[in-house]
């Protein structure tokens, strides 16, 4: 009953792995005030990073662009996904980047790492393709008390914080996932990451964003608050971020090629 009541009508009957879903998601991101503002905050971070790296040689690449709109914020970025959607520039797979050594100065990802079947291959490709000083900037799910409850009860993607391996099983662009994987790699197994990829320095791990994502309804559910409430909820989220074990649903991870 609750699923019927709160589910977005435009997502019903849509295969989330299909090209149709990408266009539906683009419309949802454009129309939902809370969700649109969250994306704009992520893109503002990407823009600041691009500005900080502008003196470096190389291109800007976004992986898993999907229904996003980073291109309108950073026109020079190469948008990409694993299929030829009308919203992206190129088909690119994270485990075999079609770029020369040291030819990229930034790689941007929003909710992509936890879908990769072999994250190890992506990190090796990032080491190869990034110019020295170049960065990987990621927004990914976090593992807190609230996030575990939300992701395990109200999200279609798996969340297994006890997974022993850095792998994602299954098929499908969005259905194959382990949302706990970024926390596993950069928090639980951080020493192993540093040992495996000495050329990728962890510059930042910052948990953030709890209530405003919940109230946005994400890409599947109706918004729970009107857009006029966003600034107030954002301020509350800034307070909750001081309690990372309890509240944040997401994290920002920045790696630098040394």
C-alpha atoms as a PDB file:
ATOM      1  CA  UNK A   1       0.000   0.000   0.000  1.00  0.00           C
ATOM      2  CA  UNK A   2       2.749   2.460   0.974  1.00  0.00           C
ATOM      3  CA  UNK A   3       4.670   1.523  -2.164  1.00  0.00           C
ATOM      4  CA  UNK A   4       1.662   2.358  -4.309  1.00  0.00           C
ATOM      5  CA  UNK A   5       1.019   5.604  -2.460  1.00  0.00           C
ATOM      6  CA  UNK A   6       4.534   7.048  -2.522  1.00  0.00           C
ATOM      7  CA  UNK A   7       5.966   5.552  -5.724  1.00  0.00           C
ATOM      8  CA  UNK A   8       6.533   8.084  -8.509  1.00  0.00           C
ATOM      9  CA  UNK A   9       3.961   7.349 -11.245  1.00  0.00           C
ATOM     10  CA  UNK A  10       6.492   7.920 -14.042  1.00  0.00           C
ATOM     11  CA  UNK A  11       8.724   5.093 -12.775  1.00  0.00           C
ATOM     12  CA  UNK A  12       6.053   2.407 -12.681  1.00  0.00           C
ATOM     13  CA  UNK A  13       6.621  -0.290 -15.266  1.00  0.00           C
ATOM     14  CA  UNK A  14       9.990   1.156 -16.307  1.00  0.00           C
ATOM     15  CA  UNK A  15      12.981  -1.207 -16.389  1.00  0.00           C
ATOM     16  CA  UNK A  16      15.607   0.763 -14.463  1.00  0.00           C
ATOM     17  CA  UNK A  17      18.382  -0.756 -16.584  1.00  0.00           C
ATOM     18  CA  UNK A  18      16.836   0.460 -19.851  1.00  0.00           C
ATOM     19  CA  UNK A  19      17.581   3.555 -21.950  1.00  0.00           C
ATOM     20  CA  UNK A  20      14.027   4.675 -21.181  1.00  0.00           C
ATOM     21  CA  UNK A  21      14.903   4.829 -17.483  1.00  0.00           C
ATOM     22  CA  UNK A  22      17.805   7.211 -18.177  1.00  0.00           C
ATOM     23  CA  UNK A  23      15.446   9.727 -19.764  1.00  0.00           C
ATOM     24  CA  UNK A  24      12.889   9.268 -16.976  1.00  0.00           C
ATOM     25  CA  UNK A  25      15.594   9.880 -14.389  1.00  0.00           C
ATOM     26  CA  UNK A  26      16.714  13.037 -16.215  1.00  0.00           C
ATOM     27  CA  UNK A  27      13.171  14.426 -16.023  1.00  0.00           C
ATOM     28  CA  UNK A  28      12.869  13.523 -12.341  1.00  0.00           C
ATOM     29  CA  UNK A  29      16.188  15.203 -11.490  1.00  0.00           C
ATOM     30  CA  UNK A  30      15.143  18.315 -13.400  1.00  0.00           C
ATOM     31  CA  UNK A  31      11.688  18.539 -11.798  1.00  0.00           C
ATOM     32  CA  UNK A  32      12.178  17.542  -8.140  1.00  0.00           C
ATOM     33  CA  UNK A  33      13.462  20.603  -6.284  1.00  0.00           C
ATOM     34  CA  UNK A  34      15.212  18.765  -3.438  1.00  0.00           C
ATOM     35  CA  UNK A  35      16.894  16.270  -5.750  1.00  0.00           C
ATOM     36  CA  UNK A  36      17.891  18.924  -8.279  1.00  0.00           C
ATOM     37  CA  UNK A  37      19.537  20.999  -5.564  1.00  0.00           C
ATOM     38  CA  UNK A  38      21.434  17.983  -4.257  1.00  0.00           C
ATOM     39  CA  UNK A  39      22.803  17.314  -7.741  1.00  0.00           C
ATOM     40  CA  UNK A  40      23.735  20.976  -8.121  1.00  0.00           C
ATOM     41  CA  UNK A  41      25.717  20.806  -4.877  1.00  0.00           C
ATOM     42  CA  UNK A  42      27.581  17.752  -6.164  1.00  0.00           C
ATOM     43  CA  UNK A  43      28.256  19.490  -9.463  1.00  0.00           C
ATOM     44  CA  UNK A  44      29.454  22.616  -7.659  1.00  0.00           C
ATOM     45  CA  UNK A  45      32.052  20.411  -5.942  1.00  0.00           C
ATOM     46  CA  UNK A  46      33.083  18.981  -9.321  1.00  0.00           C
ATOM     47  CA  UNK A  47      33.335  22.498 -10.726  1.00  0.00           C
ATOM     48  CA  UNK A  48      35.559  23.627  -7.844  1.00  0.00           C
ATOM     49  CA  UNK A  49      37.795  20.624  -8.366  1.00  0.00           C
ATOM     50  CA  UNK A  50      38.002  21.294 -12.108  1.00  0.00           C
ATOM     51  CA  UNK A  51      38.984  24.886 -11.367  1.00  0.00           C
ATOM     52  CA  UNK A  52      41.656  23.770  -8.906  1.00  0.00           C
ATOM     53  CA  UNK A  53      43.087  21.392 -11.541  1.00  0.00           C
ATOM     54  CA  UNK A  54      42.815  23.695 -14.553  1.00  0.00           C
ATOM     55  CA  UNK A  55      46.585  24.180 -14.832  1.00  0.00           C
ATOM     56  CA  UNK A  56      47.110  20.431 -15.306  1.00  0.00           C
ATOM     57  CA  UNK A  57      47.158  18.858 -18.772  1.00  0.00           C
ATOM     58  CA  UNK A  58      44.417  16.447 -19.665  1.00  0.00           C
ATOM     59  CA  UNK A  59      40.664  16.073 -20.025  1.00  0.00           C
ATOM     60  CA  UNK A  60      37.737  15.894 -17.600  1.00  0.00           C
ATOM     61  CA  UNK A  61      35.719  12.662 -17.596  1.00  0.00           C
ATOM     62  CA  UNK A  62      32.457  11.740 -15.894  1.00  0.00           C
ATOM     63  CA  UNK A  63      31.652   8.040 -15.553  1.00  0.00           C
ATOM     64  CA  UNK A  64      28.068   6.806 -15.254  1.00  0.00           C
ATOM     65  CA  UNK A  65      26.558  10.119 -16.298  1.00  0.00           C
ATOM     66  CA  UNK A  66      23.135   8.565 -16.877  1.00  0.00           C
ATOM     67  CA  UNK A  67      20.331  11.044 -16.340  1.00  0.00           C
ATOM     68  CA  UNK A  68      22.562  13.718 -14.823  1.00  0.00           C
ATOM     69  CA  UNK A  69      23.254  17.175 -16.246  1.00  0.00           C
ATOM     70  CA  UNK A  70      26.920  17.880 -15.413  1.00  0.00           C
ATOM     71  CA  UNK A  71      27.499  18.914 -19.044  1.00  0.00           C
ATOM     72  CA  UNK A  72      25.407  22.058 -18.476  1.00  0.00           C
ATOM     73  CA  UNK A  73      27.699  23.031 -15.568  1.00  0.00           C
ATOM     74  CA  UNK A  74      31.025  21.881 -17.052  1.00  0.00           C
ATOM     75  CA  UNK A  75      30.658  22.014 -20.867  1.00  0.00           C
ATOM     76  CA  UNK A  76      34.177  20.673 -21.370  1.00  0.00           C
ATOM     77  CA  UNK A  77      33.550  17.423 -19.463  1.00  0.00           C
ATOM     78  CA  UNK A  78      33.261  14.163 -21.392  1.00  0.00           C
ATOM     79  CA  UNK A  79      30.070  12.496 -20.170  1.00  0.00           C
ATOM     80  CA  UNK A  80      29.831   8.725 -20.467  1.00  0.00           C
ATOM     81  CA  UNK A  81      27.948   5.576 -19.574  1.00  0.00           C
ATOM     82  CA  UNK A  82      28.003   1.878 -20.405  1.00  0.00           C
ATOM     83  CA  UNK A  83      25.538   2.283 -23.284  1.00  0.00           C
ATOM     84  CA  UNK A  84      24.893   4.920 -25.949  1.00  0.00           C
ATOM     85  CA  UNK A  85      22.241   6.963 -24.181  1.00  0.00           C
ATOM     86  CA  UNK A  86      21.194  10.293 -25.717  1.00  0.00           C
ATOM     87  CA  UNK A  87      22.327  12.064 -22.537  1.00  0.00           C
ATOM     88  CA  UNK A  88      26.028  11.104 -22.829  1.00  0.00           C
ATOM     89  CA  UNK A  89      28.974  11.795 -25.147  1.00  0.00           C
ATOM     90  CA  UNK A  90      30.634   8.374 -25.177  1.00  0.00           C
ATOM     91  CA  UNK A  91      30.298   4.745 -24.191  1.00  0.00           C
ATOM     92  CA  UNK A  92      32.995   4.099 -21.582  1.00  0.00           C
ATOM     93  CA  UNK A  93      33.598   1.185 -19.223  1.00  0.00           C
ATOM     94  CA  UNK A  94      35.384   2.022 -15.981  1.00  0.00           C
ATOM     95  CA  UNK A  95      37.496  -1.141 -16.062  1.00  0.00           C
ATOM     96  CA  UNK A  96      38.962  -0.347 -19.513  1.00  0.00           C
ATOM     97  CA  UNK A  97      39.131   3.382 -20.033  1.00  0.00           C
ATOM     98  CA  UNK A  98      39.738   4.300 -23.704  1.00  0.00           C
ATOM     99  CA  UNK A  99      42.269   7.005 -22.848  1.00  0.00           C
ATOM    100  CA  UNK A 100      46.041   7.216 -23.050  1.00  0.00           C
ATOM    101  CA  UNK A 101      48.343   7.258 -20.061  1.00  0.00           C
ATOM    102  CA  UNK A 102      48.291  10.524 -18.093  1.00  0.00           C
ATOM    103  CA  UNK A 103      45.601  11.965 -20.395  1.00  0.00           C
ATOM    104  CA  UNK A 104      42.963  12.759 -17.762  1.00  0.00           C
ATOM    105  CA  UNK A 105      43.118  15.352 -14.992  1.00  0.00           C
ATOM    106  CA  UNK A 106      39.845  14.466 -13.277  1.00  0.00           C
ATOM    107  CA  UNK A 107      37.364  11.598 -13.163  1.00  0.00           C
ATOM    108  CA  UNK A 108      33.953  12.369 -11.655  1.00  0.00           C
ATOM    109  CA  UNK A 109      31.507   9.748 -10.372  1.00  0.00           C
ATOM    110  CA  UNK A 110      28.124   9.993  -8.642  1.00  0.00           C
ATOM    111  CA  UNK A 111      26.806   6.664  -7.329  1.00  0.00           C
ATOM    112  CA  UNK A 112      28.935   4.649  -9.734  1.00  0.00           C
ATOM    113  CA  UNK A 113      31.682   2.873  -7.767  1.00  0.00           C
ATOM    114  CA  UNK A 114      29.241   0.639  -5.884  1.00  0.00           C
ATOM    115  CA  UNK A 115      27.934  -0.700  -9.216  1.00  0.00           C
ATOM    116  CA  UNK A 116      31.315  -1.724 -10.666  1.00  0.00           C
ATOM    117  CA  UNK A 117      31.794  -5.509 -10.893  1.00  0.00           C
ATOM    118  CA  UNK A 118      35.574  -5.157 -10.388  1.00  0.00           C
ATOM    119  CA  UNK A 119      36.496  -1.892  -8.614  1.00  0.00           C
ATOM    120  CA  UNK A 120      40.128  -3.039  -8.584  1.00  0.00           C
ATOM    121  CA  UNK A 121      40.284  -2.706 -12.363  1.00  0.00           C
ATOM    122  CA  UNK A 122      38.904   0.827 -12.212  1.00  0.00           C
ATOM    123  CA  UNK A 123      41.509   1.940  -9.665  1.00  0.00           C
ATOM    124  CA  UNK A 124      44.272   0.493 -11.847  1.00  0.00           C
ATOM    125  CA  UNK A 125      42.863   2.341 -14.851  1.00  0.00           C
ATOM    126  CA  UNK A 126      42.676   5.560 -12.821  1.00  0.00           C
ATOM    127  CA  UNK A 127      46.343   5.166 -11.898  1.00  0.00           C
ATOM    128  CA  UNK A 128      47.186   4.717 -15.579  1.00  0.00           C
ATOM    129  CA  UNK A 129      45.036   7.468 -17.080  1.00  0.00           C
ATOM    130  CA  UNK A 130      45.369  10.274 -14.545  1.00  0.00           C
ATOM    131  CA  UNK A 131      48.137  12.782 -14.956  1.00  0.00           C
ATOM    132  CA  UNK A 132      50.232  13.358 -11.791  1.00  0.00           C
ATOM    133  CA  UNK A 133      48.155  15.611  -9.560  1.00  0.00           C
ATOM    134  CA  UNK A 134      44.932  14.504 -11.261  1.00  0.00           C
ATOM    135  CA  UNK A 135      42.027  13.390  -9.116  1.00  0.00           C
ATOM    136  CA  UNK A 136      39.125  10.986  -8.806  1.00  0.00           C
ATOM    137  CA  UNK A 137      36.143  12.716  -7.164  1.00  0.00           C
ATOM    138  CA  UNK A 138      33.311  10.442  -6.051  1.00  0.00           C
ATOM    139  CA  UNK A 139      29.944  10.798  -4.318  1.00  0.00           C
ATOM    140  CA  UNK A 140      28.952   7.407  -2.918  1.00  0.00           C
ATOM    141  CA  UNK A 141      26.705   5.816  -0.262  1.00  0.00           C
ATOM    142  CA  UNK A 142      28.003   5.756   3.315  1.00  0.00           C
ATOM    143  CA  UNK A 143      27.546   3.220   6.100  1.00  0.00           C
ATOM    144  CA  UNK A 144      25.825   4.756   9.133  1.00  0.00           C
ATOM    145  CA  UNK A 145      22.997   3.566  11.347  1.00  0.00           C
ATOM    146  CA  UNK A 146      20.450   5.597   9.366  1.00  0.00           C
ATOM    147  CA  UNK A 147      21.854   4.727   5.941  1.00  0.00           C
ATOM    148  CA  UNK A 148      21.827   0.983   6.681  1.00  0.00           C
ATOM    149  CA  UNK A 149      18.176   1.191   7.701  1.00  0.00           C
ATOM    150  CA  UNK A 150      17.156   3.290   4.702  1.00  0.00           C
ATOM    151  CA  UNK A 151      19.115   1.356   2.088  1.00  0.00           C
ATOM    152  CA  UNK A 152      18.124  -2.086   3.382  1.00  0.00           C
ATOM    153  CA  UNK A 153      14.415  -1.317   3.719  1.00  0.00           C
ATOM    154  CA  UNK A 154      13.609   1.303   1.084  1.00  0.00           C
ATOM    155  CA  UNK A 155      16.100   0.859  -1.751  1.00  0.00           C
ATOM    156  CA  UNK A 156      16.211  -1.648  -4.594  1.00  0.00           C
ATOM    157  CA  UNK A 157      20.022  -2.015  -4.441  1.00  0.00           C
ATOM    158  CA  UNK A 158      21.804  -4.409  -2.085  1.00  0.00           C
ATOM    159  CA  UNK A 159      23.633  -3.118   0.977  1.00  0.00           C
ATOM    160  CA  UNK A 160      26.025  -5.683   2.488  1.00  0.00           C
ATOM    161  CA  UNK A 161      28.481  -4.091   4.888  1.00  0.00           C
ATOM    162  CA  UNK A 162      29.908  -7.528   5.744  1.00  0.00           C
ATOM    163  CA  UNK A 163      30.974  -8.460   2.217  1.00  0.00           C
ATOM    164  CA  UNK A 164      34.514  -9.824   2.272  1.00  0.00           C
ATOM    165  CA  UNK A 165      35.454  -9.098  -1.346  1.00  0.00           C
ATOM    166  CA  UNK A 166      35.483  -5.908  -3.409  1.00  0.00           C
ATOM    167  CA  UNK A 167      33.133  -7.266  -6.030  1.00  0.00           C
ATOM    168  CA  UNK A 168      29.600  -6.693  -7.255  1.00  0.00           C
ATOM    169  CA  UNK A 169      27.582  -9.672  -8.445  1.00  0.00           C
ATOM    170  CA  UNK A 170      24.644  -9.700 -10.821  1.00  0.00           C
ATOM    171  CA  UNK A 171      23.638  -8.069 -14.081  1.00  0.00           C
ATOM    172  CA  UNK A 172      22.188  -4.694 -14.947  1.00  0.00           C
ATOM    173  CA  UNK A 173      23.467  -1.132 -15.007  1.00  0.00           C
ATOM    174  CA  UNK A 174      21.614  -0.179 -11.803  1.00  0.00           C
ATOM    175  CA  UNK A 175      20.393  -3.434 -10.274  1.00  0.00           C
ATOM    176  CA  UNK A 176      23.854  -4.956  -9.774  1.00  0.00           C
ATOM    177  CA  UNK A 177      25.240  -3.157  -6.725  1.00  0.00           C
ATOM    178  CA  UNK A 178      26.514  -3.205  -3.178  1.00  0.00           C
ATOM    179  CA  UNK A 179      25.943   0.235  -1.694  1.00  0.00           C
ATOM    180  CA  UNK A 180      28.246  -0.573   1.235  1.00  0.00           C
ATOM    181  CA  UNK A 181      31.228  -1.166  -1.060  1.00  0.00           C
ATOM    182  CA  UNK A 182      32.664   2.401  -0.949  1.00  0.00           C
ATOM    183  CA  UNK A 183      32.609   2.305   2.866  1.00  0.00           C
ATOM    184  CA  UNK A 184      34.235  -1.144   2.801  1.00  0.00           C
ATOM    185  CA  UNK A 185      37.040   0.017   0.508  1.00  0.00           C
ATOM    186  CA  UNK A 186      37.804   3.435   2.005  1.00  0.00           C
ATOM    187  CA  UNK A 187      36.994   2.895   5.678  1.00  0.00           C
ATOM    188  CA  UNK A 188      37.029  -0.756   6.718  1.00  0.00           C
ATOM    189  CA  UNK A 189      39.792  -1.766   4.265  1.00  0.00           C
ATOM    190  CA  UNK A 190      41.554   1.578   3.915  1.00  0.00           C
ATOM    191  CA  UNK A 191      44.988   0.124   4.717  1.00  0.00           C
ATOM    192  CA  UNK A 192      44.533  -2.484   2.012  1.00  0.00           C
ATOM    193  CA  UNK A 193      43.555   0.228  -0.489  1.00  0.00           C
ATOM    194  CA  UNK A 194      46.672   2.246   0.330  1.00  0.00           C
ATOM    195  CA  UNK A 195      48.854  -0.849  -0.056  1.00  0.00           C
ATOM    196  CA  UNK A 196      47.314  -1.861  -3.387  1.00  0.00           C
ATOM    197  CA  UNK A 197      47.292   1.575  -5.012  1.00  0.00           C
ATOM    198  CA  UNK A 198      50.224   3.595  -3.696  1.00  0.00           C
ATOM    199  CA  UNK A 199      49.850   6.038  -6.606  1.00  0.00           C
ATOM    200  CA  UNK A 200      46.322   6.995  -5.459  1.00  0.00           C
ATOM    201  CA  UNK A 201      46.465   9.116  -2.331  1.00  0.00           C
ATOM    202  CA  UNK A 202      43.247   9.484  -0.301  1.00  0.00           C
ATOM    203  CA  UNK A 203      42.819  13.248   0.053  1.00  0.00           C
ATOM    204  CA  UNK A 204      39.338  13.332   1.526  1.00  0.00           C
ATOM    205  CA  UNK A 205      36.670  11.062   3.034  1.00  0.00           C
ATOM    206  CA  UNK A 206      33.715  13.169   4.155  1.00  0.00           C
ATOM    207  CA  UNK A 207      30.333  11.743   5.211  1.00  0.00           C
ATOM    208  CA  UNK A 208      27.367  14.034   4.536  1.00  0.00           C
ATOM    209  CA  UNK A 209      23.722  14.342   3.398  1.00  0.00           C
ATOM    210  CA  UNK A 210      21.044  12.527   5.365  1.00  0.00           C
ATOM    211  CA  UNK A 211      17.599  14.030   5.666  1.00  0.00           C
ATOM    212  CA  UNK A 212      17.514  16.081   2.496  1.00  0.00           C
ATOM    213  CA  UNK A 213      18.016  13.002   0.352  1.00  0.00           C
ATOM    214  CA  UNK A 214      15.298  11.129   2.239  1.00  0.00           C
ATOM    215  CA  UNK A 215      12.895  14.049   1.863  1.00  0.00           C
ATOM    216  CA  UNK A 216      13.757  14.309  -1.842  1.00  0.00           C
ATOM    217  CA  UNK A 217      12.382  10.815  -2.442  1.00  0.00           C
ATOM    218  CA  UNK A 218      15.331  10.033  -4.697  1.00  0.00           C
ATOM    219  CA  UNK A 219      14.592   8.704  -8.175  1.00  0.00           C
ATOM    220  CA  UNK A 220      11.798   6.345  -7.149  1.00  0.00           C
ATOM    221  CA  UNK A 221       9.615   7.995  -4.516  1.00  0.00           C
ATOM    222  CA  UNK A 222       7.540  11.148  -4.220  1.00  0.00           C
ATOM    223  CA  UNK A 223       9.148  14.115  -2.458  1.00  0.00           C
ATOM    224  CA  UNK A 224       8.141  14.303   1.202  1.00  0.00           C
ATOM    225  CA  UNK A 225       8.619  18.066   1.609  1.00  0.00           C
ATOM    226  CA  UNK A 226       8.150  21.079  -0.675  1.00  0.00           C
ATOM    227  CA  UNK A 227      11.235  22.677  -2.164  1.00  0.00           C
ATOM    228  CA  UNK A 228      10.899  25.770   0.019  1.00  0.00           C
ATOM    229  CA  UNK A 229      12.062  23.653   2.987  1.00  0.00           C
ATOM    230  CA  UNK A 230      15.392  22.727   1.389  1.00  0.00           C
ATOM    231  CA  UNK A 231      17.582  25.379   3.042  1.00  0.00           C
ATOM    232  CA  UNK A 232      16.284  24.488   6.505  1.00  0.00           C
ATOM    233  CA  UNK A 233      16.835  20.758   5.986  1.00  0.00           C
ATOM    234  CA  UNK A 234      20.293  21.421   4.581  1.00  0.00           C
ATOM    235  CA  UNK A 235      21.288  23.288   7.744  1.00  0.00           C
ATOM    236  CA  UNK A 236      20.002  20.396   9.825  1.00  0.00           C
ATOM    237  CA  UNK A 237      22.044  17.997   7.694  1.00  0.00           C
ATOM    238  CA  UNK A 238      25.163  20.052   8.418  1.00  0.00           C
ATOM    239  CA  UNK A 239      24.597  19.427  12.119  1.00  0.00           C
ATOM    240  CA  UNK A 240      23.901  15.721  11.633  1.00  0.00           C
ATOM    241  CA  UNK A 241      27.127  15.313   9.644  1.00  0.00           C
ATOM    242  CA  UNK A 242      28.996  15.776  12.937  1.00  0.00           C
ATOM    243  CA  UNK A 243      27.667  12.339  13.924  1.00  0.00           C
ATOM    244  CA  UNK A 244      28.983  10.193  11.055  1.00  0.00           C
ATOM    245  CA  UNK A 245      28.279   6.829  12.656  1.00  0.00           C
ATOM    246  CA  UNK A 246      24.623   7.686  13.042  1.00  0.00           C
ATOM    247  CA  UNK A 247      23.225   9.786  10.207  1.00  0.00           C
ATOM    248  CA  UNK A 248      24.962  10.436   6.837  1.00  0.00           C
ATOM    249  CA  UNK A 249      23.709   8.546   3.802  1.00  0.00           C
ATOM    250  CA  UNK A 250      26.509   9.661   1.476  1.00  0.00           C
ATOM    251  CA  UNK A 251      30.193  10.473   1.408  1.00  0.00           C
ATOM    252  CA  UNK A 252      32.607  12.419  -0.772  1.00  0.00           C
ATOM    253  CA  UNK A 253      35.840  10.612  -1.599  1.00  0.00           C
ATOM    254  CA  UNK A 254      38.724  12.376  -3.361  1.00  0.00           C
ATOM    255  CA  UNK A 255      41.826  10.519  -4.582  1.00  0.00           C
ATOM    256  CA  UNK A 256      44.924  12.171  -6.049  1.00  0.00           C
ATOM    257  CA  UNK A 257      47.376  10.622  -8.481  1.00  0.00           C
ATOM    258  CA  UNK A 258      50.847  11.085  -6.981  1.00  0.00           C
END
